[in-house]
Amino acid sequence: MTPTEAATLIGCHVRHVRALCKQGVIKSRRRQTPGGFYYVVDPDSAMEYANKPQTQGFPRGQKRT
């Protein structure tokens, strides 16, 4: 699953998903390319994070006005 698909599933921005991958909160694999790298997110890990109750911050899936 791409970070964009995971962001849609979780209800957050793709940059946040990439940060979660970097921190190890969401399981992912880092794939090298000649121009850099990209993440392949584990779907089960993303679903688990989406279902976990949120303790702080702006509610997931809502747009800020």
Protein backbone atom coordinates (compact mmCIF):
# COMPACT_ATOMS: atom_id res chain seq x y z
CA MET A 1 0.00 0.00 0.00
CA THR A 2 1.30 3.46 -0.80
CA PRO A 3 1.52 6.24 1.80
CA THR A 4 -1.25 8.08 -0.09
CA GLU A 5 -3.60 5.09 0.23
CA ALA A 6 -2.69 4.73 3.91
CA ALA A 7 -3.41 8.43 4.50
CA THR A 8 -6.87 8.03 2.97
CA LEU A 9 -7.51 4.98 5.15
CA ILE A 10 -6.32 6.68 8.35
CA GLY A 11 -7.81 10.09 7.60
CA CYS A 12 -4.64 12.18 7.77
CA HIS A 13 -2.12 13.80 5.43
CA VAL A 14 0.41 11.74 3.49
CA ARG A 15 3.29 13.62 5.19
CA HIS A 16 2.03 12.37 8.55
CA VAL A 17 2.00 8.77 7.26
CA ARG A 18 5.59 9.15 6.06
CA ALA A 19 6.58 10.51 9.48
CA LEU A 20 4.86 7.56 11.19
CA CYS A 21 6.76 5.17 8.91
CA LYS A 22 10.05 6.90 9.69
CA GLN A 23 9.34 6.72 13.45
CA GLY A 24 8.37 3.05 13.21
CA VAL A 25 4.81 3.56 14.44
CA ILE A 26 3.42 2.05 11.23
CA LYS A 27 5.22 -0.96 9.79
CA SER A 28 6.64 -0.30 6.36
CA ARG A 29 9.49 -1.20 4.04
CA ARG A 30 11.76 1.39 2.52
CA ARG A 31 12.51 0.76 -1.17
CA GLN A 32 15.48 2.39 -2.87
CA THR A 33 15.23 3.97 -6.31
CA PRO A 34 17.89 5.77 -8.33
CA GLY A 35 16.32 9.10 -7.33
CA GLY A 36 15.77 8.37 -3.63
CA PHE A 37 13.38 6.04 -1.82
CA TYR A 38 9.71 5.36 -1.17
CA TYR A 39 7.75 3.56 1.54
CA VAL A 40 5.56 0.48 1.12
CA VAL A 41 3.13 0.53 4.04
CA ASP A 42 1.82 -2.66 5.65
CA PRO A 43 -2.02 -2.53 5.28
CA ASP A 44 -2.67 -4.34 8.57
CA SER A 45 -0.47 -1.91 10.46
CA ALA A 46 -2.22 1.09 8.87
CA MET A 47 -5.64 -0.35 9.73
CA GLU A 48 -4.54 -1.00 13.30
CA TYR A 49 -3.36 2.61 13.64
CA ALA A 50 -6.62 3.91 12.14
CA ASN A 51 -8.68 1.93 14.66
CA LYS A 52 -6.57 3.00 17.65
CA PRO A 53 -8.26 5.71 19.75
CA GLN A 54 -6.76 9.15 19.29
CA THR A 55 -5.45 10.78 22.47
CA GLN A 56 -4.53 14.27 21.28
CA GLY A 57 -4.56 16.63 18.31
CA PHE A 58 -7.15 17.52 15.71
CA PRO A 59 -9.69 14.71 15.05
CA ARG A 60 -8.84 12.43 12.13
CA GLY A 61 -10.77 12.80 8.91
CA GLN A 62 -12.02 16.33 9.60
CA LYS A 63 -10.97 19.36 7.60
CA ARG A 64 -9.68 22.38 9.44
CA THR A 65 -11.56 25.57 8.71
